[in-house]
């Protein structure tokens, strides 16, 4: 059961995501989930580093022949900007401004979609150059690592989009505030993982 109490900007709690036991449980559950996700990506990064050396590229182009740093940098800036817009959304949530929270979460969603489109374009370009998941150990490690991140972005878009649609007419309360907040934290996690991918896969690959 969730509260149907009506709030105003003056009576809304300063930390609505933790104002109820249910909200606190969501918060705790998210950090436990994040621990598992961290182990997953750490394993994928370790596998990529082990399989991205010159000896692992049996056929197909290598990193210097493949990577377009301009495209990847643009995608990175888009994703980092989406993290900033989600911060704005949470700022307005804590100030009980549901419309502005929706606006900034909607912008976050659009930026995330733009990033995903660029990533799909990038993968399609690489495949045409002969870099596939079966072309080499490097290809397998690359697509599994970057593709897993892309799958997380897609899941995040579904998550945020569902929250926006389901709560469009409901407004903001102590039941859905923790859901928006946890979704925002998840989005920040995705951005942090991408920064590691950008550094380890692309920048180190071009050195």
N, C-alpha and C. Protein backbone atom coordinates (compact mmCIF):
# COMPACT_ATOMS: atom_id res chain seq x y z
N UNK A 1 0.84 -1.20 0.00
CA UNK A 1 0.00 0.00 0.00
C UNK A 1 0.87 1.24 0.00
N UNK A 2 0.42 2.27 -0.69
CA UNK A 2 1.19 3.49 -0.73
C UNK A 2 0.31 4.66 -0.32
N UNK A 3 0.99 5.70 0.13
CA UNK A 3 0.27 6.84 0.66
C UNK A 3 -0.43 7.64 -0.42
N UNK A 4 -1.61 8.12 -0.10
CA UNK A 4 -2.34 9.00 -1.00
C UNK A 4 -2.33 10.44 -0.47
N UNK A 5 -1.47 10.70 0.50
CA UNK A 5 -1.41 12.03 1.09
C UNK A 5 -1.04 13.07 0.05
N UNK A 6 -1.71 14.20 0.10
CA UNK A 6 -1.45 15.29 -0.83
C UNK A 6 -0.41 16.22 -0.24
N UNK A 7 0.54 16.62 -1.08
CA UNK A 7 1.62 17.47 -0.61
C UNK A 7 1.63 18.80 -1.37
N UNK A 8 2.33 19.75 -0.78
CA UNK A 8 2.65 21.02 -1.45
C UNK A 8 4.17 21.17 -1.40
N UNK A 9 4.67 22.20 -2.06
CA UNK A 9 6.11 22.43 -2.05
C UNK A 9 6.63 22.64 -0.64
N UNK A 10 5.79 23.18 0.23
CA UNK A 10 6.21 23.46 1.61
C UNK A 10 6.19 22.21 2.49
N UNK A 11 5.28 21.28 2.22
CA UNK A 11 5.14 20.10 3.07
C UNK A 11 5.85 18.87 2.53
N UNK A 12 6.34 18.92 1.29
CA UNK A 12 7.02 17.76 0.70
C UNK A 12 8.37 17.57 1.39
N UNK A 13 8.72 16.34 1.78
CA UNK A 13 9.98 16.10 2.50
C UNK A 13 11.20 16.51 1.67
N UNK A 14 12.26 16.91 2.37
CA UNK A 14 13.49 17.33 1.69
C UNK A 14 14.15 16.16 0.96
N UNK A 15 13.99 14.96 1.49
CA UNK A 15 14.53 13.75 0.85
C UNK A 15 13.39 12.75 0.64
N UNK A 16 12.54 13.00 -0.34
CA UNK A 16 11.35 12.14 -0.52
C UNK A 16 11.69 10.70 -0.86
N UNK A 17 12.88 10.47 -1.43
CA UNK A 17 13.26 9.11 -1.80
C UNK A 17 13.50 8.22 -0.59
N UNK A 18 13.72 8.82 0.59
CA UNK A 18 13.98 8.05 1.80
C UNK A 18 12.96 8.34 2.91
N UNK A 19 11.88 8.98 2.55
CA UNK A 19 10.92 9.41 3.57
C UNK A 19 10.03 8.28 4.08
N UNK A 20 9.98 7.17 3.36
CA UNK A 20 9.17 6.02 3.78
C UNK A 20 10.05 4.78 3.87
N UNK A 21 9.56 3.77 4.58
CA UNK A 21 10.30 2.51 4.69
C UNK A 21 10.44 1.86 3.32
N UNK A 22 9.38 1.95 2.51
CA UNK A 22 9.43 1.38 1.16
C UNK A 22 10.51 2.06 0.33
N UNK A 23 10.60 3.40 0.45
CA UNK A 23 11.62 4.13 -0.27
C UNK A 23 13.02 3.73 0.17
N UNK A 24 13.22 3.57 1.48
CA UNK A 24 14.51 3.16 2.00
C UNK A 24 14.89 1.77 1.51
N UNK A 25 13.90 0.88 1.43
CA UNK A 25 14.16 -0.47 0.94
C UNK A 25 14.54 -0.47 -0.54
N UNK A 26 13.88 0.38 -1.32
CA UNK A 26 14.24 0.51 -2.73
C UNK A 26 15.68 1.00 -2.87
N UNK A 27 16.04 1.96 -2.04
CA UNK A 27 17.37 2.54 -2.06
C UNK A 27 18.42 1.48 -1.71
N UNK A 28 18.16 0.70 -0.65
CA UNK A 28 19.07 -0.37 -0.24
C UNK A 28 19.16 -1.45 -1.31
N UNK A 29 18.00 -1.84 -1.84
CA UNK A 29 17.99 -2.87 -2.88
C UNK A 29 18.77 -2.45 -4.11
N UNK A 30 18.69 -1.17 -4.45
CA UNK A 30 19.42 -0.68 -5.61
C UNK A 30 20.92 -0.82 -5.42
N UNK A 31 21.42 -0.49 -4.23
CA UNK A 31 22.86 -0.58 -4.00
C UNK A 31 23.34 -2.02 -4.01
N UNK A 32 22.51 -2.94 -3.56
CA UNK A 32 22.86 -4.36 -3.66
C UNK A 32 22.90 -4.79 -5.12
N UNK A 33 21.92 -4.35 -5.89
CA UNK A 33 21.90 -4.63 -7.32
C UNK A 33 23.14 -4.04 -8.00
N UNK A 34 23.50 -2.83 -7.60
CA UNK A 34 24.65 -2.15 -8.21
C UNK A 34 25.95 -2.89 -7.94
N UNK A 35 26.03 -3.52 -6.77
CA UNK A 35 27.22 -4.31 -6.46
C UNK A 35 27.41 -5.45 -7.46
N UNK A 36 26.31 -6.13 -7.80
CA UNK A 36 26.38 -7.20 -8.79
C UNK A 36 26.73 -6.68 -10.17
N UNK A 37 26.17 -5.53 -10.53
CA UNK A 37 26.47 -4.93 -11.83
C UNK A 37 27.94 -4.52 -11.92
N UNK A 38 28.49 -4.04 -10.82
CA UNK A 38 29.90 -3.65 -10.81
C UNK A 38 30.80 -4.85 -11.05
N UNK A 39 30.47 -5.96 -10.41
CA UNK A 39 31.24 -7.19 -10.62
C UNK A 39 31.14 -7.64 -12.07
N UNK A 40 29.94 -7.56 -12.64
CA UNK A 40 29.74 -7.95 -14.04
C UNK A 40 30.64 -7.14 -14.97
N UNK A 41 30.60 -5.82 -14.84
CA UNK A 41 31.39 -4.99 -15.74
C UNK A 41 32.88 -5.11 -15.47
N UNK A 42 33.27 -5.31 -14.21
CA UNK A 42 34.68 -5.52 -13.91
C UNK A 42 35.19 -6.78 -14.62
N UNK A 43 34.37 -7.82 -14.66
CA UNK A 43 34.75 -9.05 -15.35
C UNK A 43 34.87 -8.83 -16.86
N UNK A 44 33.94 -8.05 -17.41
CA UNK A 44 33.97 -7.77 -18.84
C UNK A 44 35.17 -6.91 -19.22
N UNK A 45 35.51 -5.95 -18.38
CA UNK A 45 36.70 -5.13 -18.63
C UNK A 45 37.97 -5.97 -18.58
N UNK A 46 38.06 -6.86 -17.59
CA UNK A 46 39.23 -7.72 -17.47
C UNK A 46 39.36 -8.62 -18.70
N UNK A 47 38.22 -9.16 -19.16
CA UNK A 47 38.24 -10.01 -20.35
C UNK A 47 38.67 -9.21 -21.57
N UNK A 48 38.15 -7.99 -21.71
CA UNK A 48 38.52 -7.16 -22.85
C UNK A 48 40.01 -6.86 -22.85
N UNK A 49 40.56 -6.48 -21.71
CA UNK A 49 41.99 -6.16 -21.63
C UNK A 49 42.85 -7.38 -21.98
N UNK A 50 42.37 -8.55 -21.62
CA UNK A 50 43.12 -9.76 -21.92
C UNK A 50 43.06 -10.14 -23.39
N UNK A 51 41.98 -9.74 -24.06
CA UNK A 51 41.77 -10.19 -25.45
C UNK A 51 41.88 -9.08 -26.50
N UNK A 52 42.37 -7.92 -26.11
CA UNK A 52 42.41 -6.81 -27.07
C UNK A 52 43.82 -6.54 -27.60
N UNK A 53 44.77 -7.38 -27.25
CA UNK A 53 46.12 -7.18 -27.72
C UNK A 53 46.28 -7.58 -29.18
N UNK A 54 47.41 -7.24 -29.79
CA UNK A 54 47.65 -7.56 -31.22
C UNK A 54 47.53 -9.04 -31.53
N UNK A 55 47.94 -9.89 -30.58
CA UNK A 55 47.89 -11.34 -30.83
C UNK A 55 46.47 -11.87 -30.89
N UNK A 56 45.50 -11.09 -30.41
CA UNK A 56 44.11 -11.54 -30.38
C UNK A 56 43.35 -11.20 -31.66
N UNK A 57 43.96 -10.38 -32.51
CA UNK A 57 43.29 -9.95 -33.74
C UNK A 57 43.80 -10.82 -34.88
N UNK A 58 43.10 -11.92 -35.11
CA UNK A 58 43.50 -12.87 -36.15
C UNK A 58 43.11 -12.35 -37.52
N UNK A 59 41.92 -11.79 -37.61
CA UNK A 59 41.43 -11.23 -38.88
C UNK A 59 40.61 -9.98 -38.58
N UNK A 60 40.46 -9.15 -39.59
CA UNK A 60 39.70 -7.93 -39.42
C UNK A 60 40.59 -6.79 -38.97
N UNK A 61 40.08 -5.56 -39.00
CA UNK A 61 40.87 -4.38 -38.65
C UNK A 61 41.15 -4.31 -37.15
N UNK A 62 42.21 -3.56 -36.79
CA UNK A 62 42.51 -3.36 -35.38
C UNK A 62 41.89 -2.05 -34.89
N UNK A 63 42.19 -1.68 -33.64
CA UNK A 63 41.57 -0.50 -33.04
C UNK A 63 41.87 0.78 -33.82
N UNK A 64 43.11 0.96 -34.23
CA UNK A 64 43.49 2.20 -34.91
C UNK A 64 42.83 2.34 -36.27
N UNK A 65 42.51 1.22 -36.89
CA UNK A 65 41.82 1.25 -38.18
C UNK A 65 40.32 1.45 -38.02
N UNK A 66 39.81 1.10 -36.86
CA UNK A 66 38.36 1.11 -36.63
C UNK A 66 37.84 2.40 -36.03
N UNK A 67 38.38 2.77 -34.88
CA UNK A 67 37.73 3.76 -34.04
C UNK A 67 37.76 5.16 -34.61
N UNK A 68 36.59 5.78 -34.61
CA UNK A 68 36.42 7.18 -34.99
C UNK A 68 36.21 7.96 -33.70
N UNK A 69 37.29 8.59 -33.22
CA UNK A 69 37.22 9.24 -31.92
C UNK A 69 36.21 10.39 -31.90
N UNK A 70 36.02 11.04 -33.05
CA UNK A 70 35.06 12.14 -33.12
C UNK A 70 33.64 11.67 -32.81
N UNK A 71 33.25 10.56 -33.41
CA UNK A 71 31.92 10.01 -33.19
C UNK A 71 31.75 9.56 -31.75
N UNK A 72 32.76 8.87 -31.23
CA UNK A 72 32.68 8.36 -29.86
C UNK A 72 32.67 9.52 -28.86
N UNK A 73 33.45 10.56 -29.14
CA UNK A 73 33.47 11.72 -28.25
C UNK A 73 32.10 12.40 -28.23
N UNK A 74 31.47 12.51 -29.40
CA UNK A 74 30.13 13.11 -29.47
C UNK A 74 29.14 12.29 -28.66
N UNK A 75 29.21 10.97 -28.79
CA UNK A 75 28.31 10.10 -28.02
C UNK A 75 28.57 10.25 -26.52
N UNK A 76 29.85 10.39 -26.16
CA UNK A 76 30.20 10.56 -24.75
C UNK A 76 29.62 11.85 -24.19
N UNK A 77 29.74 12.94 -24.94
CA UNK A 77 29.21 14.23 -24.49
C UNK A 77 27.68 14.17 -24.34
N UNK A 78 27.03 13.45 -25.25
CA UNK A 78 25.58 13.31 -25.17
C UNK A 78 25.19 12.58 -23.89
N UNK A 79 25.91 11.48 -23.60
CA UNK A 79 25.57 10.69 -22.42
C UNK A 79 25.88 11.45 -21.13
N UNK A 80 26.99 12.18 -21.11
CA UNK A 80 27.32 12.97 -19.92
C UNK A 80 26.30 14.09 -19.70
N UNK A 81 25.85 14.68 -20.79
CA UNK A 81 24.82 15.72 -20.68
C UNK A 81 23.53 15.13 -20.13
N UNK A 82 23.21 13.91 -20.53
CA UNK A 82 21.99 13.27 -20.01
C UNK A 82 22.09 13.03 -18.51
N UNK A 83 23.29 12.79 -18.02
CA UNK A 83 23.47 12.64 -16.58
C UNK A 83 23.20 13.97 -15.87
N UNK A 84 23.64 15.06 -16.49
CA UNK A 84 23.40 16.39 -15.92
C UNK A 84 21.90 16.72 -15.90
N UNK A 85 21.21 16.39 -16.98
CA UNK A 85 19.77 16.68 -17.03
C UNK A 85 18.99 15.85 -16.01
N UNK A 86 19.48 14.64 -15.71
CA UNK A 86 18.82 13.84 -14.68
C UNK A 86 19.04 14.46 -13.29
N UNK A 87 20.19 15.12 -13.10
CA UNK A 87 20.42 15.85 -11.84
C UNK A 87 19.42 16.99 -11.71
N UNK A 88 19.20 17.72 -12.81
CA UNK A 88 18.20 18.79 -12.79
C UNK A 88 16.82 18.24 -12.46
N UNK A 89 16.51 17.06 -13.02
CA UNK A 89 15.20 16.44 -12.76
C UNK A 89 15.04 16.13 -11.28
N UNK A 90 16.08 15.59 -10.66
CA UNK A 90 16.00 15.26 -9.24
C UNK A 90 15.95 16.53 -8.38
N UNK A 91 16.59 17.59 -8.82
CA UNK A 91 16.51 18.86 -8.10
C UNK A 91 15.06 19.35 -8.06
N UNK A 92 14.39 19.27 -9.21
CA UNK A 92 12.99 19.71 -9.26
C UNK A 92 12.07 18.75 -8.54
N UNK A 93 12.42 17.46 -8.50
CA UNK A 93 11.61 16.51 -7.74
C UNK A 93 11.64 16.88 -6.26
N UNK A 94 12.82 17.19 -5.74
CA UNK A 94 12.93 17.52 -4.32
C UNK A 94 12.27 18.85 -3.99
N UNK A 95 12.07 19.68 -5.00
CA UNK A 95 11.36 20.94 -4.81
C UNK A 95 9.88 20.83 -5.17
N UNK A 96 9.42 19.60 -5.38
CA UNK A 96 8.02 19.30 -5.65
C UNK A 96 7.49 20.03 -6.89
N UNK A 97 8.33 20.05 -7.93
CA UNK A 97 7.91 20.64 -9.21
C UNK A 97 7.84 19.50 -10.22
N UNK A 98 6.67 18.86 -10.26
CA UNK A 98 6.53 17.64 -11.06
C UNK A 98 6.70 17.91 -12.55
N UNK A 99 6.17 19.01 -13.05
CA UNK A 99 6.26 19.30 -14.49
C UNK A 99 7.70 19.49 -14.94
N UNK A 100 8.49 20.23 -14.16
CA UNK A 100 9.88 20.43 -14.55
C UNK A 100 10.68 19.14 -14.38
N UNK A 101 10.32 18.33 -13.38
CA UNK A 101 10.98 17.04 -13.25
C UNK A 101 10.71 16.19 -14.48
N UNK A 102 9.45 16.15 -14.91
CA UNK A 102 9.10 15.41 -16.12
C UNK A 102 9.86 15.93 -17.33
N UNK A 103 9.96 17.25 -17.44
CA UNK A 103 10.65 17.85 -18.58
C UNK A 103 12.10 17.40 -18.64
N UNK A 104 12.80 17.50 -17.53
CA UNK A 104 14.21 17.15 -17.53
C UNK A 104 14.44 15.65 -17.64
N UNK A 105 13.55 14.86 -17.09
CA UNK A 105 13.66 13.41 -17.29
C UNK A 105 13.37 13.04 -18.74
N UNK A 106 12.44 13.77 -19.36
CA UNK A 106 12.16 13.55 -20.77
C UNK A 106 13.36 13.90 -21.64
N UNK A 107 14.05 14.99 -21.30
CA UNK A 107 15.26 15.36 -22.03
C UNK A 107 16.35 14.31 -21.84
N UNK A 108 16.45 13.80 -20.60
CA UNK A 108 17.40 12.72 -20.32
C UNK A 108 17.10 11.52 -21.21
N UNK A 109 15.83 11.18 -21.33
CA UNK A 109 15.43 10.04 -22.16
C UNK A 109 15.81 10.26 -23.63
N UNK A 110 15.57 11.46 -24.14
CA UNK A 110 15.89 11.76 -25.54
C UNK A 110 17.40 11.71 -25.79
N UNK A 111 18.18 12.22 -24.85
CA UNK A 111 19.63 12.17 -24.99
C UNK A 111 20.13 10.72 -24.94
N UNK A 112 19.54 9.92 -24.05
CA UNK A 112 19.91 8.51 -23.99
C UNK A 112 19.59 7.78 -25.28
N UNK A 113 18.43 8.11 -25.87
CA UNK A 113 18.06 7.50 -27.15
C UNK A 113 19.04 7.91 -28.24
N UNK A 114 19.46 9.18 -28.23
CA UNK A 114 20.42 9.66 -29.22
C UNK A 114 21.74 8.90 -29.10
N UNK A 115 22.18 8.69 -27.87
CA UNK A 115 23.41 7.92 -27.65
C UNK A 115 23.27 6.51 -28.21
N UNK A 116 22.13 5.87 -27.94
CA UNK A 116 21.93 4.49 -28.38
C UNK A 116 21.91 4.42 -29.91
N UNK A 117 21.31 5.40 -30.56
CA UNK A 117 21.30 5.43 -32.03
C UNK A 117 22.71 5.54 -32.59
N UNK A 118 23.53 6.40 -31.97
CA UNK A 118 24.93 6.54 -32.41
C UNK A 118 25.69 5.24 -32.21
N UNK A 119 25.41 4.54 -31.12
CA UNK A 119 26.10 3.28 -30.87
C UNK A 119 25.70 2.21 -31.89
N UNK A 120 24.44 2.17 -32.24
CA UNK A 120 23.98 1.22 -33.26
C UNK A 120 24.62 1.55 -34.61
N UNK A 121 24.69 2.84 -34.92
CA UNK A 121 25.36 3.28 -36.16
C UNK A 121 26.83 2.85 -36.15
N UNK A 122 27.49 3.03 -35.01
CA UNK A 122 28.90 2.66 -34.87
C UNK A 122 29.08 1.16 -35.11
N UNK A 123 28.25 0.35 -34.47
CA UNK A 123 28.36 -1.09 -34.65
C UNK A 123 28.14 -1.48 -36.12
N UNK A 124 27.15 -0.89 -36.74
CA UNK A 124 26.86 -1.20 -38.14
C UNK A 124 28.05 -0.85 -39.03
N UNK A 125 28.69 0.29 -38.74
CA UNK A 125 29.87 0.71 -39.50
C UNK A 125 31.01 -0.28 -39.33
N UNK A 126 31.23 -0.72 -38.11
CA UNK A 126 32.32 -1.67 -37.85
C UNK A 126 32.08 -3.00 -38.55
N UNK A 127 30.83 -3.45 -38.54
CA UNK A 127 30.51 -4.72 -39.19
C UNK A 127 30.82 -4.66 -40.67
N UNK A 128 30.52 -3.52 -41.29
CA UNK A 128 30.82 -3.35 -42.71
C UNK A 128 32.33 -3.32 -42.98
N UNK A 129 33.10 -2.98 -41.99
CA UNK A 129 34.56 -2.97 -42.13
C UNK A 129 35.17 -4.34 -41.84
N UNK A 130 34.33 -5.30 -41.48
CA UNK A 130 34.81 -6.65 -41.21
C UNK A 130 35.09 -6.94 -39.75
N UNK A 131 34.69 -6.02 -38.88
CA UNK A 131 34.89 -6.21 -37.43
C UNK A 131 33.59 -6.71 -36.84
N UNK A 132 33.51 -8.02 -36.63
CA UNK A 132 32.29 -8.64 -36.11
C UNK A 132 32.60 -9.36 -34.81
N UNK A 133 31.57 -9.87 -34.17
CA UNK A 133 31.76 -10.55 -32.90
C UNK A 133 32.48 -11.88 -33.07
N UNK A 134 32.54 -12.40 -34.31
CA UNK A 134 33.23 -13.67 -34.56
C UNK A 134 34.52 -13.49 -35.35
N UNK A 135 34.90 -12.26 -35.68
CA UNK A 135 36.09 -12.05 -36.50
C UNK A 135 37.38 -12.33 -35.73
N UNK A 136 37.36 -12.12 -34.43
CA UNK A 136 38.55 -12.33 -33.61
C UNK A 136 38.15 -12.32 -32.15
N UNK A 137 39.11 -12.67 -31.28
CA UNK A 137 38.86 -12.59 -29.84
C UNK A 137 38.63 -11.14 -29.43
N UNK A 138 39.35 -10.23 -30.07
CA UNK A 138 39.15 -8.80 -29.82
C UNK A 138 37.73 -8.38 -30.18
N UNK A 139 37.23 -8.86 -31.31
CA UNK A 139 35.87 -8.53 -31.72
C UNK A 139 34.84 -9.04 -30.72
N UNK A 140 35.04 -10.26 -30.25
CA UNK A 140 34.10 -10.83 -29.27
C UNK A 140 34.10 -10.02 -27.99
N UNK A 141 35.31 -9.70 -27.49
CA UNK A 141 35.43 -8.95 -26.23
C UNK A 141 34.85 -7.55 -26.38
N UNK A 142 35.08 -6.92 -27.53
CA UNK A 142 34.58 -5.56 -27.75
C UNK A 142 33.06 -5.52 -27.76
N UNK A 143 32.45 -6.37 -28.56
CA UNK A 143 30.99 -6.33 -28.69
C UNK A 143 30.28 -6.76 -27.40
N UNK A 144 30.87 -7.70 -26.67
CA UNK A 144 30.23 -8.13 -25.43
C UNK A 144 30.28 -7.00 -24.40
N UNK A 145 31.44 -6.34 -24.27
CA UNK A 145 31.57 -5.25 -23.30
C UNK A 145 30.72 -4.05 -23.68
N UNK A 146 30.93 -3.52 -24.87
CA UNK A 146 30.21 -2.31 -25.28
C UNK A 146 28.73 -2.63 -25.50
N UNK A 147 28.44 -3.81 -26.02
CA UNK A 147 27.05 -4.20 -26.24
C UNK A 147 26.29 -4.39 -24.94
N UNK A 148 26.97 -4.91 -23.90
CA UNK A 148 26.32 -5.05 -22.60
C UNK A 148 25.97 -3.67 -22.04
N UNK A 149 26.88 -2.73 -22.21
CA UNK A 149 26.56 -1.37 -21.78
C UNK A 149 25.38 -0.80 -22.56
N UNK A 150 25.38 -1.04 -23.88
CA UNK A 150 24.26 -0.57 -24.71
C UNK A 150 22.94 -1.18 -24.26
N UNK A 151 22.97 -2.46 -23.86
CA UNK A 151 21.76 -3.11 -23.36
C UNK A 151 21.29 -2.45 -22.07
N UNK A 152 22.23 -2.02 -21.25
CA UNK A 152 21.86 -1.32 -20.02
C UNK A 152 21.25 0.05 -20.32
N UNK A 153 21.78 0.71 -21.34
CA UNK A 153 21.18 1.99 -21.76
C UNK A 153 19.74 1.77 -22.23
N UNK A 154 19.55 0.72 -23.02
CA UNK A 154 18.20 0.40 -23.51
C UNK A 154 17.25 0.10 -22.35
N UNK A 155 17.73 -0.67 -21.38
CA UNK A 155 16.91 -0.96 -20.21
C UNK A 155 16.59 0.32 -19.44
N UNK A 156 17.58 1.21 -19.31
CA UNK A 156 17.35 2.48 -18.63
C UNK A 156 16.30 3.33 -19.34
N UNK A 157 16.32 3.31 -20.66
CA UNK A 157 15.31 4.05 -21.42
C UNK A 157 13.92 3.48 -21.18
N UNK A 158 13.82 2.15 -21.15
CA UNK A 158 12.53 1.52 -20.86
C UNK A 158 12.06 1.89 -19.45
N UNK A 159 12.98 1.88 -18.51
CA UNK A 159 12.67 2.19 -17.12
C UNK A 159 12.16 3.62 -16.97
N UNK A 160 12.93 4.56 -17.47
CA UNK A 160 12.55 5.98 -17.35
C UNK A 160 11.28 6.27 -18.14
N UNK A 161 11.19 5.72 -19.35
CA UNK A 161 10.00 5.95 -20.17
C UNK A 161 8.74 5.42 -19.51
N UNK A 162 8.86 4.23 -18.90
CA UNK A 162 7.70 3.65 -18.22
C UNK A 162 7.27 4.51 -17.03
N UNK A 163 8.25 4.99 -16.26
CA UNK A 163 7.93 5.86 -15.12
C UNK A 163 7.22 7.14 -15.57
N UNK A 164 7.72 7.74 -16.64
CA UNK A 164 7.13 8.98 -17.12
C UNK A 164 5.69 8.77 -17.59
N UNK A 165 5.46 7.68 -18.31
CA UNK A 165 4.12 7.43 -18.85
C UNK A 165 3.14 7.05 -17.74
N UNK A 166 3.56 6.15 -16.84
CA UNK A 166 2.66 5.68 -15.79
C UNK A 166 2.28 6.77 -14.79
N UNK A 167 3.19 7.72 -14.58
CA UNK A 167 2.94 8.75 -13.58
C UNK A 167 2.58 10.10 -14.18
N UNK A 168 2.25 10.10 -15.47
CA UNK A 168 1.97 11.34 -16.15
C UNK A 168 0.83 12.12 -15.49
N UNK A 169 -0.21 11.42 -15.09
CA UNK A 169 -1.37 12.07 -14.49
C UNK A 169 -1.40 11.93 -12.97
N UNK A 170 -0.54 11.11 -12.46
CA UNK A 170 -0.55 10.85 -11.02
C UNK A 170 0.02 12.00 -10.21
N UNK A 171 1.05 12.64 -10.77
CA UNK A 171 1.75 13.65 -10.01
C UNK A 171 2.84 13.03 -9.17
N UNK A 172 3.38 13.79 -8.25
CA UNK A 172 4.51 13.35 -7.44
C UNK A 172 4.06 13.05 -6.01
N UNK A 173 4.50 11.92 -5.49
CA UNK A 173 4.20 11.58 -4.10
C UNK A 173 5.33 10.72 -3.55
N UNK A 174 5.15 10.25 -2.32
CA UNK A 174 6.21 9.48 -1.68
C UNK A 174 6.28 8.05 -2.19
N UNK A 175 5.32 7.66 -3.03
CA UNK A 175 5.35 6.33 -3.63
C UNK A 175 6.21 6.30 -4.89
N UNK A 176 6.07 7.30 -5.75
CA UNK A 176 6.84 7.27 -6.99
C UNK A 176 8.14 8.06 -6.94
N UNK A 177 8.31 8.95 -5.95
CA UNK A 177 9.56 9.71 -5.85
C UNK A 177 10.78 8.79 -5.72
N UNK A 178 10.74 7.74 -4.87
CA UNK A 178 11.90 6.83 -4.80
C UNK A 178 12.17 6.12 -6.13
N UNK A 179 11.13 5.84 -6.89
CA UNK A 179 11.32 5.17 -8.18
C UNK A 179 12.06 6.06 -9.16
N UNK A 180 11.69 7.32 -9.22
CA UNK A 180 12.39 8.26 -10.09
C UNK A 180 13.84 8.43 -9.63
N UNK A 181 14.02 8.50 -8.32
CA UNK A 181 15.36 8.73 -7.79
C UNK A 181 16.29 7.55 -8.09
N UNK A 182 15.80 6.34 -7.87
CA UNK A 182 16.61 5.16 -8.14
C UNK A 182 16.91 5.04 -9.64
N UNK A 183 15.95 5.37 -10.49
CA UNK A 183 16.18 5.36 -11.93
C UNK A 183 17.28 6.35 -12.31
N UNK A 184 17.28 7.51 -11.65
CA UNK A 184 18.31 8.51 -11.90
C UNK A 184 19.68 7.99 -11.47
N UNK A 185 19.75 7.32 -10.32
CA UNK A 185 21.02 6.74 -9.86
C UNK A 185 21.52 5.69 -10.85
N UNK A 186 20.61 4.87 -11.35
CA UNK A 186 20.97 3.87 -12.34
C UNK A 186 21.56 4.53 -13.59
N UNK A 187 20.97 5.65 -13.98
CA UNK A 187 21.45 6.35 -15.17
C UNK A 187 22.87 6.89 -14.94
N UNK A 188 23.14 7.38 -13.74
CA UNK A 188 24.49 7.85 -13.41
C UNK A 188 25.48 6.68 -13.48
N UNK A 189 25.06 5.52 -13.02
CA UNK A 189 25.93 4.34 -13.08
C UNK A 189 26.28 4.01 -14.53
N UNK A 190 25.30 4.06 -15.41
CA UNK A 190 25.54 3.81 -16.83
C UNK A 190 26.57 4.79 -17.38
N UNK A 191 26.46 6.06 -16.98
CA UNK A 191 27.39 7.08 -17.46
C UNK A 191 28.81 6.81 -16.95
N UNK A 192 28.95 6.42 -15.69
CA UNK A 192 30.27 6.13 -15.14
C UNK A 192 30.91 4.96 -15.87
N UNK A 193 30.13 3.92 -16.13
CA UNK A 193 30.66 2.76 -16.86
C UNK A 193 31.13 3.19 -18.24
N UNK A 194 30.37 4.08 -18.89
CA UNK A 194 30.77 4.52 -20.23
C UNK A 194 32.08 5.30 -20.20
N UNK A 195 32.31 6.08 -19.16
CA UNK A 195 33.57 6.80 -19.05
C UNK A 195 34.75 5.83 -19.00
N UNK A 196 34.56 4.71 -18.29
CA UNK A 196 35.60 3.68 -18.27
C UNK A 196 35.77 3.05 -19.65
N UNK A 197 34.66 2.80 -20.34
CA UNK A 197 34.73 2.23 -21.69
C UNK A 197 35.43 3.20 -22.63
N UNK A 198 35.07 4.46 -22.56
CA UNK A 198 35.69 5.47 -23.42
C UNK A 198 37.20 5.52 -23.20
N UNK A 199 37.61 5.39 -21.96
CA UNK A 199 39.05 5.46 -21.65
C UNK A 199 39.77 4.18 -22.01
N UNK A 200 39.25 3.04 -21.55
CA UNK A 200 39.93 1.76 -21.71
C UNK A 200 39.86 1.25 -23.14
N UNK A 201 38.68 1.33 -23.74
CA UNK A 201 38.50 0.77 -25.08
C UNK A 201 38.98 1.72 -26.17
N UNK A 202 38.52 2.95 -26.15
CA UNK A 202 38.77 3.86 -27.26
C UNK A 202 40.09 4.61 -27.11
N UNK A 203 40.29 5.31 -26.00
CA UNK A 203 41.51 6.10 -25.86
C UNK A 203 42.75 5.21 -25.79
N UNK A 204 42.71 4.18 -24.95
CA UNK A 204 43.86 3.27 -24.86
C UNK A 204 44.05 2.49 -26.17
N UNK A 205 42.95 2.21 -26.87
CA UNK A 205 43.04 1.48 -28.13
C UNK A 205 43.71 2.27 -29.24
N UNK A 206 43.66 3.60 -29.13
CA UNK A 206 44.25 4.45 -30.15
C UNK A 206 45.68 4.86 -29.82
N UNK A 207 46.13 4.54 -28.61
CA UNK A 207 47.49 4.91 -28.20
C UNK A 207 48.50 3.91 -28.82
